[in-house]
């Protein structure tokens, strides 16, 4: 497997321009931060 990875593995590259994702960060409320992990437990 290591030999194949070094010499025999073939793959293709596809170049595509992807739109920049819209990322919004919303902080947890104090209450949510207090109970989130506790509720999973």
ModelCIF file with pLDDT and N, C-alpha, C, O atoms, coordinates in Angstrom:
data_MODEL
#
_entry.id   MODEL 
#
_entity.id                         1 
_entity.type                       polymer 
_entity.pdbx_number_of_molecules   1 
#
_entity_poly.entity_id                      1 
_entity_poly.type                           'polypeptide(L)' 
_entity_poly.nstd_linkage                   no 
_entity_poly.nstd_monomer                   no 
_entity_poly.pdbx_seq_one_letter_code       
;(UNK)(UNK)(UNK)(UNK)(UNK)(UNK)(UNK)(UNK)(UNK)(UNK)(UNK)(UNK)(UNK)(UNK)(UNK)(UNK)
(UNK)(UNK)(UNK)(UNK)(UNK)(UNK)(UNK)(UNK)(UNK)(UNK)(UNK)(UNK)(UNK)(UNK)(UNK)(UNK)
(UNK)(UNK)(UNK)(UNK)(UNK)(UNK)(UNK)(UNK)(UNK)
;
_entity_poly.pdbx_seq_one_letter_code_can   XXXXXXXXXXXXXXXXXXXXXXXXXXXXXXXXXXXXXXXXX 
_entity_poly.pdbx_strand_id                 A 
#
loop_
_entity_poly_seq.entity_id 
_entity_poly_seq.num 
_entity_poly_seq.mon_id 
_entity_poly_seq.hetero 
1 1  UNK n 
1 2  UNK n 
1 3  UNK n 
1 4  UNK n 
1 5  UNK n 
1 6  UNK n 
1 7  UNK n 
1 8  UNK n 
1 9  UNK n 
1 10 UNK n 
1 11 UNK n 
1 12 UNK n 
1 13 UNK n 
1 14 UNK n 
1 15 UNK n 
1 16 UNK n 
1 17 UNK n 
1 18 UNK n 
1 19 UNK n 
1 20 UNK n 
1 21 UNK n 
1 22 UNK n 
1 23 UNK n 
1 24 UNK n 
1 25 UNK n 
1 26 UNK n 
1 27 UNK n 
1 28 UNK n 
1 29 UNK n 
1 30 UNK n 
1 31 UNK n 
1 32 UNK n 
1 33 UNK n 
1 34 UNK n 
1 35 UNK n 
1 36 UNK n 
1 37 UNK n 
1 38 UNK n 
1 39 UNK n 
1 40 UNK n 
1 41 UNK n 
#
_struct_asym.id          A 
_struct_asym.entity_id   1 
#
loop_
_ma_qa_metric.id 
_ma_qa_metric.mode 
_ma_qa_metric.name 
_ma_qa_metric.software_group_id 
_ma_qa_metric.type 
1 global pLDDT . pLDDT 
2 local  pLDDT . pLDDT 
#
_ma_qa_metric_global.metric_id      1 
_ma_qa_metric_global.metric_value   89.90 
_ma_qa_metric_global.model_id       1 
_ma_qa_metric_global.ordinal_id     1 
#
loop_
_ma_qa_metric_local.label_asym_id 
_ma_qa_metric_local.label_comp_id 
_ma_qa_metric_local.label_seq_id 
_ma_qa_metric_local.metric_id 
_ma_qa_metric_local.metric_value 
_ma_qa_metric_local.model_id 
_ma_qa_metric_local.ordinal_id 
A UNK 1  2 89.00 1 1  
A UNK 2  2 91.00 1 2  
A UNK 3  2 90.00 1 3  
A UNK 4  2 87.00 1 4  
A UNK 5  2 87.00 1 5  
A UNK 6  2 87.00 1 6  
A UNK 7  2 86.00 1 7  
A UNK 8  2 75.00 1 8  
A UNK 9  2 79.00 1 9  
A UNK 10 2 80.00 1 10 
A UNK 11 2 81.00 1 11 
A UNK 12 2 86.00 1 12 
A UNK 13 2 87.00 1 13 
A UNK 14 2 89.00 1 14 
A UNK 15 2 91.00 1 15 
A UNK 16 2 91.00 1 16 
A UNK 17 2 90.00 1 17 
A UNK 18 2 88.00 1 18 
A UNK 19 2 91.00 1 19 
A UNK 20 2 91.00 1 20 
A UNK 21 2 90.00 1 21 
A UNK 22 2 92.00 1 22 
A UNK 23 2 94.00 1 23 
A UNK 24 2 94.00 1 24 
A UNK 25 2 94.00 1 25 
A UNK 26 2 91.00 1 26 
A UNK 27 2 93.00 1 27 
A UNK 28 2 92.00 1 28 
A UNK 29 2 93.00 1 29 
A UNK 30 2 95.00 1 30 
A UNK 31 2 95.00 1 31 
A UNK 32 2 95.00 1 32 
A UNK 33 2 95.00 1 33 
A UNK 34 2 95.00 1 34 
A UNK 35 2 95.00 1 35 
A UNK 36 2 92.00 1 36 
A UNK 37 2 92.00 1 37 
A UNK 38 2 91.00 1 38 
A UNK 39 2 91.00 1 39 
A UNK 40 2 91.00 1 40 
A UNK 41 2 90.00 1 41 
#
loop_
_atom_site.group_PDB 
_atom_site.id 
_atom_site.type_symbol 
_atom_site.label_atom_id 
_atom_site.label_alt_id 
_atom_site.label_comp_id 
_atom_site.label_asym_id 
_atom_site.label_entity_id 
_atom_site.label_seq_id 
_atom_site.pdbx_PDB_ins_code 
_atom_site.Cartn_x 
_atom_site.Cartn_y 
_atom_site.Cartn_z 
_atom_site.occupancy 
_atom_site.B_iso_or_equiv 
_atom_site.pdbx_formal_charge 
_atom_site.auth_seq_id 
_atom_site.auth_comp_id 
_atom_site.auth_asym_id 
_atom_site.auth_atom_id 
_atom_site.pdbx_PDB_model_num 
ATOM 1   N N  . UNK A 1 1  ? 0.830   -1.204 0.000   1.00 89.00 ? 1  UNK A N  1 
ATOM 2   C CA . UNK A 1 1  ? 0.000   0.000  0.000   1.00 89.00 ? 1  UNK A CA 1 
ATOM 3   C C  . UNK A 1 1  ? 0.870   1.261  0.000   1.00 89.00 ? 1  UNK A C  1 
ATOM 4   O O  . UNK A 1 1  ? 0.578   2.225  -0.708  1.00 89.00 ? 1  UNK A O  1 
ATOM 5   N N  . UNK A 1 2  ? 1.939   1.243  0.800   1.00 91.00 ? 2  UNK A N  1 
ATOM 6   C CA . UNK A 1 2  ? 2.824   2.410  0.835   1.00 91.00 ? 2  UNK A CA 1 
ATOM 7   C C  . UNK A 1 2  ? 3.517   2.618  -0.508  1.00 91.00 ? 2  UNK A C  1 
ATOM 8   O O  . UNK A 1 2  ? 3.708   3.753  -0.947  1.00 91.00 ? 2  UNK A O  1 
ATOM 9   N N  . UNK A 1 3  ? 3.891   1.519  -1.155  1.00 90.00 ? 3  UNK A N  1 
ATOM 10  C CA . UNK A 1 3  ? 4.524   1.613  -2.474  1.00 90.00 ? 3  UNK A CA 1 
ATOM 11  C C  . UNK A 1 3  ? 3.546   2.183  -3.498  1.00 90.00 ? 3  UNK A C  1 
ATOM 12  O O  . UNK A 1 3  ? 3.918   2.996  -4.344  1.00 90.00 ? 3  UNK A O  1 
ATOM 13  N N  . UNK A 1 4  ? 2.304   1.747  -3.407  1.00 87.00 ? 4  UNK A N  1 
ATOM 14  C CA . UNK A 1 4  ? 1.271   2.238  -4.327  1.00 87.00 ? 4  UNK A CA 1 
ATOM 15  C C  . UNK A 1 4  ? 1.028   3.733  -4.120  1.00 87.00 ? 4  UNK A C  1 
ATOM 16  O O  . UNK A 1 4  ? 0.845   4.478  -5.083  1.00 87.00 ? 4  UNK A O  1 
ATOM 17  N N  . UNK A 1 5  ? 1.028   4.158  -2.881  1.00 87.00 ? 5  UNK A N  1 
ATOM 18  C CA . UNK A 1 5  ? 0.820   5.576  -2.594  1.00 87.00 ? 5  UNK A CA 1 
ATOM 19  C C  . UNK A 1 5  ? 1.948   6.430  -3.165  1.00 87.00 ? 5  UNK A C  1 
ATOM 20  O O  . UNK A 1 5  ? 1.726   7.554  -3.617  1.00 87.00 ? 5  UNK A O  1 
ATOM 21  N N  . UNK A 1 6  ? 3.180   5.871  -3.137  1.00 87.00 ? 6  UNK A N  1 
ATOM 22  C CA . UNK A 1 6  ? 4.337   6.635  -3.612  1.00 87.00 ? 6  UNK A CA 1 
ATOM 23  C C  . UNK A 1 6  ? 4.424   6.662  -5.140  1.00 87.00 ? 6  UNK A C  1 
ATOM 24  O O  . UNK A 1 6  ? 4.807   7.676  -5.723  1.00 87.00 ? 6  UNK A O  1 
ATOM 25  N N  . UNK A 1 7  ? 4.069   5.548  -5.784  1.00 86.00 ? 7  UNK A N  1 
ATOM 26  C CA . UNK A 1 7  ? 4.380   5.441  -7.220  1.00 86.00 ? 7  UNK A CA 1 
ATOM 27  C C  . UNK A 1 7  ? 3.192   5.155  -8.127  1.00 86.00 ? 7  UNK A C  1 
ATOM 28  O O  . UNK A 1 7  ? 3.205   5.545  -9.295  1.00 86.00 ? 7  UNK A O  1 
ATOM 29  N N  . UNK A 1 8  ? 2.187   4.497  -7.627  1.00 75.00 ? 8  UNK A N  1 
ATOM 30  C CA . UNK A 1 8  ? 1.144   4.019  -8.547  1.00 75.00 ? 8  UNK A CA 1 
ATOM 31  C C  . UNK A 1 8  ? -0.209  4.679  -8.411  1.00 75.00 ? 8  UNK A C  1 
ATOM 32  O O  . UNK A 1 8  ? -1.093  4.440  -9.234  1.00 75.00 ? 8  UNK A O  1 
ATOM 33  N N  . UNK A 1 9  ? -0.395  5.496  -7.404  1.00 79.00 ? 9  UNK A N  1 
ATOM 34  C CA . UNK A 1 9  ? -1.717  6.075  -7.174  1.00 79.00 ? 9  UNK A CA 1 
ATOM 35  C C  . UNK A 1 9  ? -2.000  7.181  -8.175  1.00 79.00 ? 9  UNK A C  1 
ATOM 36  O O  . UNK A 1 9  ? -1.207  8.112  -8.320  1.00 79.00 ? 9  UNK A O  1 
ATOM 37  N N  . UNK A 1 10 ? -3.123  7.082  -8.864  1.00 80.00 ? 10 UNK A N  1 
ATOM 38  C CA . UNK A 1 10 ? -3.504  8.080  -9.851  1.00 80.00 ? 10 UNK A CA 1 
ATOM 39  C C  . UNK A 1 10 ? -4.722  8.854  -9.361  1.00 80.00 ? 10 UNK A C  1 
ATOM 40  O O  . UNK A 1 10 ? -5.599  8.302  -8.697  1.00 80.00 ? 10 UNK A O  1 
ATOM 41  N N  . UNK A 1 11 ? -4.762  10.110 -9.690  1.00 81.00 ? 11 UNK A N  1 
ATOM 42  C CA . UNK A 1 11 ? -5.904  10.936 -9.308  1.00 81.00 ? 11 UNK A CA 1 
ATOM 43  C C  . UNK A 1 11 ? -6.019  12.101 -10.270 1.00 81.00 ? 11 UNK A C  1 
ATOM 44  O O  . UNK A 1 11 ? -5.075  12.416 -10.996 1.00 81.00 ? 11 UNK A O  1 
ATOM 45  N N  . UNK A 1 12 ? -7.162  12.730 -10.272 1.00 86.00 ? 12 UNK A N  1 
ATOM 46  C CA . UNK A 1 12 ? -7.418  13.885 -11.139 1.00 86.00 ? 12 UNK A CA 1 
ATOM 47  C C  . UNK A 1 12 ? -7.696  15.106 -10.283 1.00 86.00 ? 12 UNK A C  1 
ATOM 48  O O  . UNK A 1 12 ? -8.191  15.003 -9.160  1.00 86.00 ? 12 UNK A O  1 
ATOM 49  N N  . UNK A 1 13 ? -7.375  16.236 -10.824 1.00 87.00 ? 13 UNK A N  1 
ATOM 50  C CA . UNK A 1 13 ? -7.678  17.494 -10.149 1.00 87.00 ? 13 UNK A CA 1 
ATOM 51  C C  . UNK A 1 13 ? -8.704  18.263 -10.974 1.00 87.00 ? 13 UNK A C  1 
ATOM 52  O O  . UNK A 1 13 ? -8.585  18.371 -12.194 1.00 87.00 ? 13 UNK A O  1 
ATOM 53  N N  . UNK A 1 14 ? -9.681  18.777 -10.309 1.00 89.00 ? 14 UNK A N  1 
ATOM 54  C CA . UNK A 1 14 ? -10.709 19.572 -10.966 1.00 89.00 ? 14 UNK A CA 1 
ATOM 55  C C  . UNK A 1 14 ? -10.687 20.964 -10.359 1.00 89.00 ? 14 UNK A C  1 
ATOM 56  O O  . UNK A 1 14 ? -10.951 21.141 -9.170  1.00 89.00 ? 14 UNK A O  1 
ATOM 57  N N  . UNK A 1 15 ? -10.374 21.937 -11.181 1.00 91.00 ? 15 UNK A N  1 
ATOM 58  C CA . UNK A 1 15 ? -10.299 23.307 -10.694 1.00 91.00 ? 15 UNK A CA 1 
ATOM 59  C C  . UNK A 1 15 ? -11.639 23.997 -10.909 1.00 91.00 ? 15 UNK A C  1 
ATOM 60  O O  . UNK A 1 15 ? -12.091 24.161 -12.042 1.00 91.00 ? 15 UNK A O  1 
ATOM 61  N N  . UNK A 1 16 ? -12.259 24.394 -9.822  1.00 91.00 ? 16 UNK A N  1 
ATOM 62  C CA . UNK A 1 16 ? -13.566 25.036 -9.874  1.00 91.00 ? 16 UNK A CA 1 
ATOM 63  C C  . UNK A 1 16 ? -13.545 26.242 -8.955  1.00 91.00 ? 16 UNK A C  1 
ATOM 64  O O  . UNK A 1 16 ? -13.061 26.170 -7.826  1.00 91.00 ? 16 UNK A O  1 
ATOM 65  N N  . UNK A 1 17 ? -14.063 27.326 -9.439  1.00 90.00 ? 17 UNK A N  1 
ATOM 66  C CA . UNK A 1 17 ? -14.177 28.497 -8.575  1.00 90.00 ? 17 UNK A CA 1 
ATOM 67  C C  . UNK A 1 17 ? -15.473 28.405 -7.780  1.00 90.00 ? 17 UNK A C  1 
ATOM 68  O O  . UNK A 1 17 ? -16.568 28.455 -8.342  1.00 90.00 ? 17 UNK A O  1 
ATOM 69  N N  . UNK A 1 18 ? -15.334 28.273 -6.495  1.00 88.00 ? 18 UNK A N  1 
ATOM 70  C CA . UNK A 1 18 ? -16.503 28.159 -5.625  1.00 88.00 ? 18 UNK A CA 1 
ATOM 71  C C  . UNK A 1 18 ? -16.832 29.514 -5.028  1.00 88.00 ? 18 UNK A C  1 
ATOM 72  O O  . UNK A 1 18 ? -15.930 30.273 -4.673  1.00 88.00 ? 18 UNK A O  1 
ATOM 73  N N  . UNK A 1 19 ? -18.105 29.824 -4.916  1.00 91.00 ? 19 UNK A N  1 
ATOM 74  C CA . UNK A 1 19 ? -18.474 31.104 -4.292  1.00 91.00 ? 19 UNK A CA 1 
ATOM 75  C C  . UNK A 1 19 ? -18.096 31.107 -2.816  1.00 91.00 ? 19 UNK A C  1 
ATOM 76  O O  . UNK A 1 19 ? -18.150 30.078 -2.142  1.00 91.00 ? 19 UNK A O  1 
ATOM 77  N N  . UNK A 1 20 ? -17.720 32.259 -2.339  1.00 91.00 ? 20 UNK A N  1 
ATOM 78  C CA . UNK A 1 20 ? -17.370 32.371 -0.922  1.00 91.00 ? 20 UNK A CA 1 
ATOM 79  C C  . UNK A 1 20 ? -18.617 32.115 -0.076  1.00 91.00 ? 20 UNK A C  1 
ATOM 80  O O  . UNK A 1 20 ? -19.638 32.773 -0.275  1.00 91.00 ? 20 UNK A O  1 
ATOM 81  N N  . UNK A 1 21 ? -18.552 31.172 0.864   1.00 90.00 ? 21 UNK A N  1 
ATOM 82  C CA . UNK A 1 21 ? -19.738 30.865 1.679   1.00 90.00 ? 21 UNK A CA 1 
ATOM 83  C C  . UNK A 1 21 ? -20.037 32.002 2.650   1.00 90.00 ? 21 UNK A C  1 
ATOM 84  O O  . UNK A 1 21 ? -19.138 32.681 3.147   1.00 90.00 ? 21 UNK A O  1 
ATOM 85  N N  . UNK A 1 22 ? -21.316 32.182 2.898   1.00 92.00 ? 22 UNK A N  1 
ATOM 86  C CA . UNK A 1 22 ? -21.710 33.161 3.906   1.00 92.00 ? 22 UNK A CA 1 
ATOM 87  C C  . UNK A 1 22 ? -21.693 32.527 5.278   1.00 92.00 ? 22 UNK A C  1 
ATOM 88  O O  . UNK A 1 22 ? -22.469 31.610 5.547   1.00 92.00 ? 22 UNK A O  1 
ATOM 89  N N  . UNK A 1 23 ? -20.836 32.992 6.133   1.00 94.00 ? 23 UNK A N  1 
ATOM 90  C CA . UNK A 1 23 ? -20.687 32.411 7.463   1.00 94.00 ? 23 UNK A CA 1 
ATOM 91  C C  . UNK A 1 23 ? -21.100 33.435 8.507   1.00 94.00 ? 23 UNK A C  1 
ATOM 92  O O  . UNK A 1 23 ? -20.609 34.564 8.526   1.00 94.00 ? 23 UNK A O  1 
ATOM 93  N N  . UNK A 1 24 ? -21.996 33.024 9.357   1.00 94.00 ? 24 UNK A N  1 
ATOM 94  C CA . UNK A 1 24 ? -22.447 33.906 10.426  1.00 94.00 ? 24 UNK A CA 1 
ATOM 95  C C  . UNK A 1 24 ? -22.207 33.221 11.766  1.00 94.00 ? 24 UNK A C  1 
ATOM 96  O O  . UNK A 1 24 ? -22.652 32.092 11.975  1.00 94.00 ? 24 UNK A O  1 
ATOM 97  N N  . UNK A 1 25 ? -21.528 33.874 12.646  1.00 94.00 ? 25 UNK A N  1 
ATOM 98  C CA . UNK A 1 25 ? -21.236 33.324 13.973  1.00 94.00 ? 25 UNK A CA 1 
ATOM 99  C C  . UNK A 1 25 ? -22.181 33.968 14.980  1.00 94.00 ? 25 UNK A C  1 
ATOM 100 O O  . UNK A 1 25 ? -22.212 35.188 15.138  1.00 94.00 ? 25 UNK A O  1 
ATOM 101 N N  . UNK A 1 26 ? -22.941 33.130 15.651  1.00 91.00 ? 26 UNK A N  1 
ATOM 102 C CA . UNK A 1 26 ? -23.877 33.613 16.661  1.00 91.00 ? 26 UNK A CA 1 
ATOM 103 C C  . UNK A 1 26 ? -23.464 33.053 18.011  1.00 91.00 ? 26 UNK A C  1 
ATOM 104 O O  . UNK A 1 26 ? -23.488 31.836 18.194  1.00 91.00 ? 26 UNK A O  1 
ATOM 105 N N  . UNK A 1 27 ? -23.094 33.880 18.943  1.00 93.00 ? 27 UNK A N  1 
ATOM 106 C CA . UNK A 1 27 ? -22.681 33.357 20.259  1.00 93.00 ? 27 UNK A CA 1 
ATOM 107 C C  . UNK A 1 27 ? -23.856 32.741 21.006  1.00 93.00 ? 27 UNK A C  1 
ATOM 108 O O  . UNK A 1 27 ? -24.993 33.197 20.889  1.00 93.00 ? 27 UNK A O  1 
ATOM 109 N N  . UNK A 1 28 ? -23.562 31.704 21.769  1.00 92.00 ? 28 UNK A N  1 
ATOM 110 C CA . UNK A 1 28 ? -24.581 31.096 22.620  1.00 92.00 ? 28 UNK A CA 1 
ATOM 111 C C  . UNK A 1 28 ? -25.005 32.074 23.705  1.00 92.00 ? 28 UNK A C  1 
ATOM 112 O O  . UNK A 1 28 ? -24.213 32.895 24.168  1.00 92.00 ? 28 UNK A O  1 
ATOM 113 N N  . UNK A 1 29 ? -26.259 31.971 24.097  1.00 93.00 ? 29 UNK A N  1 
ATOM 114 C CA . UNK A 1 29 ? -26.687 32.731 25.265  1.00 93.00 ? 29 UNK A CA 1 
ATOM 115 C C  . UNK A 1 29 ? -26.010 32.142 26.498  1.00 93.00 ? 29 UNK A C  1 
ATOM 116 O O  . UNK A 1 29 ? -25.502 31.022 26.464  1.00 93.00 ? 29 UNK A O  1 
ATOM 117 N N  . UNK A 1 30 ? -26.009 32.893 27.563  1.00 95.00 ? 30 UNK A N  1 
ATOM 118 C CA . UNK A 1 30 ? -25.397 32.397 28.809  1.00 95.00 ? 30 UNK A CA 1 
ATOM 119 C C  . UNK A 1 30 ? -26.085 31.117 29.264  1.00 95.00 ? 30 UNK A C  1 
ATOM 120 O O  . UNK A 1 30 ? -25.435 30.194 29.755  1.00 95.00 ? 30 UNK A O  1 
ATOM 121 N N  . UNK A 1 31 ? -27.400 31.067 29.098  1.00 95.00 ? 31 UNK A N  1 
ATOM 122 C CA . UNK A 1 31 ? -28.145 29.874 29.501  1.00 95.00 ? 31 UNK A CA 1 
ATOM 123 C C  . UNK A 1 31 ? -27.805 28.670 28.646  1.00 95.00 ? 31 UNK A C  1 
ATOM 124 O O  . UNK A 1 31 ? -27.612 27.568 29.160  1.00 95.00 ? 31 UNK A O  1 
ATOM 125 N N  . UNK A 1 32 ? -27.730 28.884 27.322  1.00 95.00 ? 32 UNK A N  1 
ATOM 126 C CA . UNK A 1 32 ? -27.408 27.780 26.423  1.00 95.00 ? 32 UNK A CA 1 
ATOM 127 C C  . UNK A 1 32 ? -26.015 27.236 26.711  1.00 95.00 ? 32 UNK A C  1 
ATOM 128 O O  . UNK A 1 32 ? -25.810 26.022 26.717  1.00 95.00 ? 32 UNK A O  1 
ATOM 129 N N  . UNK A 1 33 ? -25.064 28.120 26.947  1.00 95.00 ? 33 UNK A N  1 
ATOM 130 C CA . UNK A 1 33 ? -23.711 27.683 27.286  1.00 95.00 ? 33 UNK A CA 1 
ATOM 131 C C  . UNK A 1 33 ? -23.693 26.874 28.572  1.00 95.00 ? 33 UNK A C  1 
ATOM 132 O O  . UNK A 1 33 ? -22.861 25.984 28.746  1.00 95.00 ? 33 UNK A O  1 
ATOM 133 N N  . UNK A 1 34 ? -24.613 27.189 29.468  1.00 95.00 ? 34 UNK A N  1 
ATOM 134 C CA . UNK A 1 34 ? -24.642 26.514 30.765  1.00 95.00 ? 34 UNK A CA 1 
ATOM 135 C C  . UNK A 1 34 ? -25.233 25.110 30.691  1.00 95.00 ? 34 UNK A C  1 
ATOM 136 O O  . UNK A 1 34 ? -24.907 24.261 31.520  1.00 95.00 ? 34 UNK A O  1 
ATOM 137 N N  . UNK A 1 35 ? -26.109 24.851 29.699  1.00 95.00 ? 35 UNK A N  1 
ATOM 138 C CA . UNK A 1 35 ? -26.823 23.568 29.708  1.00 95.00 ? 35 UNK A CA 1 
ATOM 139 C C  . UNK A 1 35 ? -26.486 22.651 28.535  1.00 95.00 ? 35 UNK A C  1 
ATOM 140 O O  . UNK A 1 35 ? -26.832 21.470 28.569  1.00 95.00 ? 35 UNK A O  1 
ATOM 141 N N  . UNK A 1 36 ? -25.821 23.163 27.500  1.00 92.00 ? 36 UNK A N  1 
ATOM 142 C CA . UNK A 1 36 ? -25.641 22.372 26.285  1.00 92.00 ? 36 UNK A CA 1 
ATOM 143 C C  . UNK A 1 36 ? -24.968 21.027 26.564  1.00 92.00 ? 36 UNK A C  1 
ATOM 144 O O  . UNK A 1 36 ? -25.552 19.980 26.286  1.00 92.00 ? 36 UNK A O  1 
ATOM 145 N N  . UNK A 1 37 ? -23.769 21.042 27.101  1.00 92.00 ? 37 UNK A N  1 
ATOM 146 C CA . UNK A 1 37 ? -23.039 19.794 27.341  1.00 92.00 ? 37 UNK A CA 1 
ATOM 147 C C  . UNK A 1 37 ? -23.711 18.958 28.419  1.00 92.00 ? 37 UNK A C  1 
ATOM 148 O O  . UNK A 1 37 ? -23.696 17.728 28.364  1.00 92.00 ? 37 UNK A O  1 
ATOM 149 N N  . UNK A 1 38 ? -24.299 19.632 29.399  1.00 91.00 ? 38 UNK A N  1 
ATOM 150 C CA . UNK A 1 38 ? -24.980 18.914 30.480  1.00 91.00 ? 38 UNK A CA 1 
ATOM 151 C C  . UNK A 1 38 ? -26.139 18.090 29.935  1.00 91.00 ? 38 UNK A C  1 
ATOM 152 O O  . UNK A 1 38 ? -26.363 16.959 30.368  1.00 91.00 ? 38 UNK A O  1 
ATOM 153 N N  . UNK A 1 39 ? -26.871 18.658 28.987  1.00 91.00 ? 39 UNK A N  1 
ATOM 154 C CA . UNK A 1 39 ? -28.031 17.953 28.446  1.00 91.00 ? 39 UNK A CA 1 
ATOM 155 C C  . UNK A 1 39 ? -27.601 16.745 27.612  1.00 91.00 ? 39 UNK A C  1 
ATOM 156 O O  . UNK A 1 39 ? -28.300 15.732 27.579  1.00 91.00 ? 39 UNK A O  1 
ATOM 157 N N  . UNK A 1 40 ? -26.454 16.851 26.938  1.00 91.00 ? 40 UNK A N  1 
ATOM 158 C CA . UNK A 1 40 ? -25.939 15.701 26.185  1.00 91.00 ? 40 UNK A CA 1 
ATOM 159 C C  . UNK A 1 40 ? -25.579 14.572 27.146  1.00 91.00 ? 40 UNK A C  1 
ATOM 160 O O  . UNK A 1 40 ? -25.877 13.407 26.884  1.00 91.00 ? 40 UNK A O  1 
ATOM 161 N N  . UNK A 1 41 ? -24.938 14.923 28.257  1.00 90.00 ? 41 UNK A N  1 
ATOM 162 C CA . UNK A 1 41 ? -24.604 13.914 29.260  1.00 90.00 ? 41 UNK A CA 1 
ATOM 163 C C  . UNK A 1 41 ? -25.836 13.244 29.819  1.00 90.00 ? 41 UNK A C  1 
ATOM 164 O O  . UNK A 1 41 ? -25.727 12.368 30.677  1.00 90.00 ? 41 UNK A O  1 
#
